[in-house]
Amino acid sequence: MTACWYLWNWRNISIFELRFQRPSNPTLVIQKFTREIEDNNKLVHKSPHQKETIYIGWVRPQIGWVKLNCDGAWKGSGTLAGCGGLLRDSDVRWIKGYFKKIGMCDAFHAEMWGMYLGLDLAWWENTTHLIVESDSKVLVDMITENCNFGGTTPTLVKRIRQLLSLSWTVKITHT
């Protein structure tokens, strides 16, 4: 399990379960998990129908780059949604993290909020070279204009594109 998974899980639990208490020092807990993953040189998952190995794990960015991992989540009833993410550098150092209770929306809007808030945070942290990883293929395609969709462009997509047009280098990838 990756450190990002633990953050994502803690964020979701803190949104959906009122009794959840974060570890007293979450940074140390996450750093320990990250070291264990690196020591084990990536987790491996094999599908019975595949002949190749698929490596699962966080890959550090090149020197001089920062990586943003962002995500959104919603409870099936549509009554609660939240988002969050984290920024790490090429030395796997935690720069900043964030989370937000959104309220009532769908999963896609939670994903948009997660990316928007992460990009905004990275910009205000004076990041010059950023890699954004999102598990929402639809959002990545919409942001990078790799898909044609009918209707009006969502406001958050417009805001994300505005952030991308600022004076910095940003790569957006689906993971």
C-alpha atoms as a PDB file:
ATOM      1  CA  MET A   1       0.000   0.000   0.000  1.00  0.00           C
ATOM      2  CA  THR A   2       1.335   3.395  -0.854  1.00  0.00           C
ATOM      3  CA  ALA A   3       1.619   6.423   1.370  1.00  0.00           C
ATOM      4  CA  CYS A   4      -0.860   8.166  -0.914  1.00  0.00           C
ATOM      5  CA  TRP A   5      -3.353   5.411  -0.187  1.00  0.00           C
ATOM      6  CA  TYR A   6      -3.000   5.989   3.555  1.00  0.00           C
ATOM      7  CA  LEU A   7      -3.536   9.725   3.133  1.00  0.00           C
ATOM      8  CA  TRP A   8      -6.521   9.144   0.876  1.00  0.00           C
ATOM      9  CA  ASN A   9      -7.959   6.634   3.329  1.00  0.00           C
ATOM     10  CA  TRP A  10      -7.419   8.912   6.351  1.00  0.00           C
ATOM     11  CA  ARG A  11      -8.992  11.812   4.467  1.00  0.00           C
ATOM     12  CA  ASN A  12     -12.055   9.738   3.555  1.00  0.00           C
ATOM     13  CA  ILE A  13     -12.417   8.345   7.053  1.00  0.00           C
ATOM     14  CA  SER A  14     -12.110  11.842   8.549  1.00  0.00           C
ATOM     15  CA  ILE A  15     -14.911  13.031   6.242  1.00  0.00           C
ATOM     16  CA  PHE A  16     -17.273  10.094   6.629  1.00  0.00           C
ATOM     17  CA  GLU A  17     -16.589   8.805  10.155  1.00  0.00           C
ATOM     18  CA  LEU A  18     -16.930  11.341  12.942  1.00  0.00           C
ATOM     19  CA  ARG A  19     -15.020   9.248  15.521  1.00  0.00           C
ATOM     20  CA  PHE A  20     -11.830   8.924  13.459  1.00  0.00           C
ATOM     21  CA  GLN A  21      -8.646  10.259  15.051  1.00  0.00           C
ATOM     22  CA  ARG A  22      -5.561  10.737  12.931  1.00  0.00           C
ATOM     23  CA  PRO A  23      -2.265   9.334  14.179  1.00  0.00           C
ATOM     24  CA  SER A  24      -0.500  11.767  16.507  1.00  0.00           C
ATOM     25  CA  ASN A  25       2.291  12.259  13.952  1.00  0.00           C
ATOM     26  CA  PRO A  26       0.926  11.319  10.506  1.00  0.00           C
ATOM     27  CA  THR A  27       4.031  12.548   8.701  1.00  0.00           C
ATOM     28  CA  LEU A  28       6.239  10.005  10.472  1.00  0.00           C
ATOM     29  CA  VAL A  29       3.732   7.216   9.839  1.00  0.00           C
ATOM     30  CA  ILE A  30       3.588   8.060   6.124  1.00  0.00           C
ATOM     31  CA  GLN A  31       7.373   8.390   5.843  1.00  0.00           C
ATOM     32  CA  LYS A  32       7.751   4.945   7.436  1.00  0.00           C
ATOM     33  CA  PHE A  33       5.347   3.417   4.898  1.00  0.00           C
ATOM     34  CA  THR A  34       7.162   5.178   2.060  1.00  0.00           C
ATOM     35  CA  ARG A  35      10.542   3.814   3.198  1.00  0.00           C
ATOM     36  CA  GLU A  36       9.088   0.307   3.457  1.00  0.00           C
ATOM     37  CA  ILE A  37       7.763   0.532  -0.088  1.00  0.00           C
ATOM     38  CA  GLU A  38      11.070   1.774  -1.435  1.00  0.00           C
ATOM     39  CA  ASP A  39      12.940  -0.926   0.503  1.00  0.00           C
ATOM     40  CA  ASN A  40      10.709  -3.586  -1.019  1.00  0.00           C
ATOM     41  CA  ASN A  41      11.277  -2.023  -4.467  1.00  0.00           C
ATOM     42  CA  LYS A  42       7.570  -1.728  -5.369  1.00  0.00           C
ATOM     43  CA  LEU A  43       4.584  -3.915  -4.795  1.00  0.00           C
ATOM     44  CA  VAL A  44       3.731  -6.386  -7.522  1.00  0.00           C
ATOM     45  CA  HIS A  45       0.288  -7.381  -8.739  1.00  0.00           C
ATOM     46  CA  LYS A  46      -0.258 -10.191 -11.221  1.00  0.00           C
ATOM     47  CA  SER A  47      -3.539 -10.813 -12.948  1.00  0.00           C
ATOM     48  CA  PRO A  48      -4.300 -14.423 -13.968  1.00  0.00           C
ATOM     49  CA  HIS A  49      -5.084 -13.216 -17.496  1.00  0.00           C
ATOM     50  CA  GLN A  50      -1.904 -11.193 -17.901  1.00  0.00           C
ATOM     51  CA  LYS A  51       1.530 -12.430 -18.751  1.00  0.00           C
ATOM     52  CA  GLU A  52       3.299  -9.251 -17.713  1.00  0.00           C
ATOM     53  CA  THR A  53       3.907  -7.840 -14.258  1.00  0.00           C
ATOM     54  CA  ILE A  54       2.273  -4.565 -13.310  1.00  0.00           C
ATOM     55  CA  TYR A  55       4.207  -2.509 -10.776  1.00  0.00           C
ATOM     56  CA  ILE A  56       2.143  -0.490  -8.338  1.00  0.00           C
ATOM     57  CA  GLY A  57       3.665   2.349  -6.411  1.00  0.00           C
ATOM     58  CA  TRP A  58       4.425   6.008  -6.302  1.00  0.00           C
ATOM     59  CA  VAL A  59       7.229   7.091  -8.600  1.00  0.00           C
ATOM     60  CA  ARG A  60       9.265  10.088  -7.530  1.00  0.00           C
ATOM     61  CA  PRO A  61       9.488  13.008  -9.948  1.00  0.00           C
ATOM     62  CA  GLN A  62      12.733  14.078 -11.604  1.00  0.00           C
ATOM     63  CA  ILE A  63      15.015  16.461  -9.722  1.00  0.00           C
ATOM     64  CA  GLY A  64      13.552  19.953  -9.738  1.00  0.00           C
ATOM     65  CA  TRP A  65       9.975  18.737 -10.126  1.00  0.00           C
ATOM     66  CA  VAL A  66       7.174  18.459  -7.574  1.00  0.00           C
ATOM     67  CA  LYS A  67       4.414  15.876  -7.779  1.00  0.00           C
ATOM     68  CA  LEU A  68       0.796  16.554  -6.871  1.00  0.00           C
ATOM     69  CA  ASN A  69      -1.375  13.527  -6.152  1.00  0.00           C
ATOM     70  CA  CYS A  70      -5.010  14.605  -5.928  1.00  0.00           C
ATOM     71  CA  ASP A  71      -8.281  12.776  -5.526  1.00  0.00           C
ATOM     72  CA  GLY A  72     -11.948  13.186  -4.741  1.00  0.00           C
ATOM     73  CA  ALA A  73     -14.409  10.908  -2.982  1.00  0.00           C
ATOM     74  CA  TRP A  74     -18.122  10.796  -2.324  1.00  0.00           C
ATOM     75  CA  LYS A  75     -20.442   8.666  -0.281  1.00  0.00           C
ATOM     76  CA  GLY A  76     -22.891   6.707  -2.420  1.00  0.00           C
ATOM     77  CA  SER A  77     -25.901   8.574  -1.130  1.00  0.00           C
ATOM     78  CA  GLY A  78     -24.491  11.788  -2.589  1.00  0.00           C
ATOM     79  CA  THR A  79     -24.784  13.568   0.748  1.00  0.00           C
ATOM     80  CA  LEU A  80     -21.079  13.790   1.560  1.00  0.00           C
ATOM     81  CA  ALA A  81     -18.092  14.428  -0.639  1.00  0.00           C
ATOM     82  CA  GLY A  82     -14.523  15.473  -0.061  1.00  0.00           C
ATOM     83  CA  CYS A  83     -11.192  15.842  -1.757  1.00  0.00           C
ATOM     84  CA  GLY A  84      -7.555  16.057  -0.894  1.00  0.00           C
ATOM     85  CA  GLY A  85      -4.035  15.620  -2.050  1.00  0.00           C
ATOM     86  CA  LEU A  86      -0.386  16.151  -1.333  1.00  0.00           C
ATOM     87  CA  LEU A  87       2.730  17.705  -2.807  1.00  0.00           C
ATOM     88  CA  ARG A  88       6.079  15.902  -2.655  1.00  0.00           C
ATOM     89  CA  ASP A  89       9.450  16.694  -4.159  1.00  0.00           C
ATOM     90  CA  SER A  90      12.004  14.478  -5.896  1.00  0.00           C
ATOM     91  CA  ASP A  91      13.524  13.581  -2.519  1.00  0.00           C
ATOM     92  CA  VAL A  92      10.093  12.223  -1.498  1.00  0.00           C
ATOM     93  CA  ARG A  93       9.782  15.030   1.033  1.00  0.00           C
ATOM     94  CA  TRP A  94       6.288  16.077   1.967  1.00  0.00           C
ATOM     95  CA  ILE A  95       5.780  19.717   1.012  1.00  0.00           C
ATOM     96  CA  LYS A  96       2.115  20.268   1.829  1.00  0.00           C
ATOM     97  CA  GLY A  97      -1.136  18.373   1.973  1.00  0.00           C
ATOM     98  CA  TYR A  98      -4.750  19.442   1.917  1.00  0.00           C
ATOM     99  CA  PHE A  99      -8.273  18.144   2.267  1.00  0.00           C
ATOM    100  CA  LYS A 100     -11.707  19.689   2.072  1.00  0.00           C
ATOM    101  CA  LYS A 101     -15.214  18.625   2.949  1.00  0.00           C
ATOM    102  CA  ILE A 102     -17.250  19.628  -0.068  1.00  0.00           C
ATOM    103  CA  GLY A 103     -20.750  18.695   0.983  1.00  0.00           C
ATOM    104  CA  MET A 104     -23.214  17.390  -1.565  1.00  0.00           C
ATOM    105  CA  CYS A 105     -21.873  16.654  -5.048  1.00  0.00           C
ATOM    106  CA  ASP A 106     -20.963  13.724  -7.265  1.00  0.00           C
ATOM    107  CA  ALA A 107     -17.615  11.944  -7.579  1.00  0.00           C
ATOM    108  CA  PHE A 108     -16.577  13.903 -10.678  1.00  0.00           C
ATOM    109  CA  HIS A 109     -17.057  17.266  -8.967  1.00  0.00           C
ATOM    110  CA  ALA A 110     -15.082  15.988  -5.972  1.00  0.00           C
ATOM    111  CA  GLU A 111     -12.257  15.035  -8.379  1.00  0.00           C
ATOM    112  CA  MET A 112     -12.376  18.507  -9.955  1.00  0.00           C
ATOM    113  CA  TRP A 113     -12.196  20.170  -6.532  1.00  0.00           C
ATOM    114  CA  GLY A 114      -9.249  17.953  -5.585  1.00  0.00           C
ATOM    115  CA  MET A 115      -7.267  18.949  -8.670  1.00  0.00           C
ATOM    116  CA  TYR A 116      -8.192  22.630  -8.497  1.00  0.00           C
ATOM    117  CA  LEU A 117      -7.233  23.005  -4.832  1.00  0.00           C
ATOM    118  CA  GLY A 118      -3.977  21.101  -5.390  1.00  0.00           C
ATOM    119  CA  LEU A 119      -2.968  23.239  -8.356  1.00  0.00           C
ATOM    120  CA  ASP A 120      -3.848  26.397  -6.454  1.00  0.00           C
ATOM    121  CA  LEU A 121      -1.766  25.247  -3.474  1.00  0.00           C
ATOM    122  CA  ALA A 122       1.204  24.338  -5.708  1.00  0.00           C
ATOM    123  CA  TRP A 123       1.051  27.751  -7.389  1.00  0.00           C
ATOM    124  CA  TRP A 124       1.052  29.564  -4.037  1.00  0.00           C
ATOM    125  CA  GLU A 125       3.987  27.399  -2.919  1.00  0.00           C
ATOM    126  CA  ASN A 126       5.942  28.905  -5.861  1.00  0.00           C
ATOM    127  CA  THR A 127       6.241  25.565  -7.635  1.00  0.00           C
ATOM    128  CA  THR A 128       7.778  26.022 -11.087  1.00  0.00           C
ATOM    129  CA  HIS A 129       7.684  22.423 -12.393  1.00  0.00           C
ATOM    130  CA  LEU A 130       4.716  20.268 -11.405  1.00  0.00           C
ATOM    131  CA  ILE A 131       3.456  16.800 -12.296  1.00  0.00           C
ATOM    132  CA  VAL A 132      -0.212  16.248 -11.471  1.00  0.00           C
ATOM    133  CA  GLU A 133      -1.459  12.675 -11.007  1.00  0.00           C
ATOM    134  CA  SER A 134      -5.185  11.976 -10.934  1.00  0.00           C
ATOM    135  CA  ASP A 135      -7.120   8.723 -11.103  1.00  0.00           C
ATOM    136  CA  SER A 136      -9.923  10.431 -13.034  1.00  0.00           C
ATOM    137  CA  LYS A 137      -9.291   9.755 -16.734  1.00  0.00           C
ATOM    138  CA  VAL A 138     -12.326  11.823 -17.702  1.00  0.00           C
ATOM    139  CA  LEU A 139     -11.017  14.837 -15.782  1.00  0.00           C
ATOM    140  CA  VAL A 140      -7.494  14.487 -17.172  1.00  0.00           C
ATOM    141  CA  ASP A 141      -8.876  14.241 -20.710  1.00  0.00           C
ATOM    142  CA  MET A 142     -11.193  17.193 -20.132  1.00  0.00           C
ATOM    143  CA  ILE A 143      -8.413  19.373 -18.709  1.00  0.00           C
ATOM    144  CA  THR A 144      -5.959  18.497 -21.483  1.00  0.00           C
ATOM    145  CA  GLU A 145      -8.731  18.809 -24.084  1.00  0.00           C
ATOM    146  CA  ASN A 146      -8.195  15.221 -25.254  1.00  0.00           C
ATOM    147  CA  CYS A 147     -11.915  14.579 -25.391  1.00  0.00           C
ATOM    148  CA  ASN A 148     -14.886  16.224 -27.008  1.00  0.00           C
ATOM    149  CA  PHE A 149     -17.867  16.631 -24.771  1.00  0.00           C
ATOM    150  CA  GLY A 150     -21.133  18.354 -25.416  1.00  0.00           C
ATOM    151  CA  GLY A 151     -22.481  21.097 -23.276  1.00  0.00           C
ATOM    152  CA  THR A 152     -20.927  23.778 -21.152  1.00  0.00           C
ATOM    153  CA  THR A 153     -17.432  23.416 -19.725  1.00  0.00           C
ATOM    154  CA  PRO A 154     -17.676  23.134 -15.920  1.00  0.00           C
ATOM    155  CA  THR A 155     -16.493  26.215 -14.017  1.00  0.00           C
ATOM    156  CA  LEU A 156     -13.870  24.223 -12.100  1.00  0.00           C
ATOM    157  CA  VAL A 157     -12.409  22.933 -15.376  1.00  0.00           C
ATOM    158  CA  LYS A 158     -12.156  26.550 -16.580  1.00  0.00           C
ATOM    159  CA  ARG A 159     -10.432  27.520 -13.330  1.00  0.00           C
ATOM    160  CA  ILE A 160      -8.018  24.604 -13.597  1.00  0.00           C
ATOM    161  CA  ARG A 161      -7.167  25.628 -17.165  1.00  0.00           C
ATOM    162  CA  GLN A 162      -6.594  29.207 -15.963  1.00  0.00           C
ATOM    163  CA  LEU A 163      -4.121  27.942 -13.371  1.00  0.00           C
ATOM    164  CA  LEU A 164      -2.388  25.852 -16.036  1.00  0.00           C
ATOM    165  CA  SER A 165      -1.969  28.935 -18.238  1.00  0.00           C
ATOM    166  CA  LEU A 166       0.123  30.730 -15.599  1.00  0.00           C
ATOM    167  CA  SER A 167       3.905  31.000 -15.819  1.00  0.00           C
ATOM    168  CA  TRP A 168       4.966  27.471 -14.811  1.00  0.00           C
ATOM    169  CA  THR A 169       5.422  24.032 -16.334  1.00  0.00           C
ATOM    170  CA  VAL A 170       2.693  21.506 -15.491  1.00  0.00           C
ATOM    171  CA  LYS A 171       2.272  17.951 -16.753  1.00  0.00           C
ATOM    172  CA  ILE A 172      -1.043  16.240 -16.048  1.00  0.00           C
ATOM    173  CA  THR A 173      -1.194  12.447 -16.055  1.00  0.00           C
ATOM    174  CA  HIS A 174      -3.774   9.770 -15.379  1.00  0.00           C
ATOM    175  CA  THR A 175      -2.645   7.166 -12.874  1.00  0.00           C
END
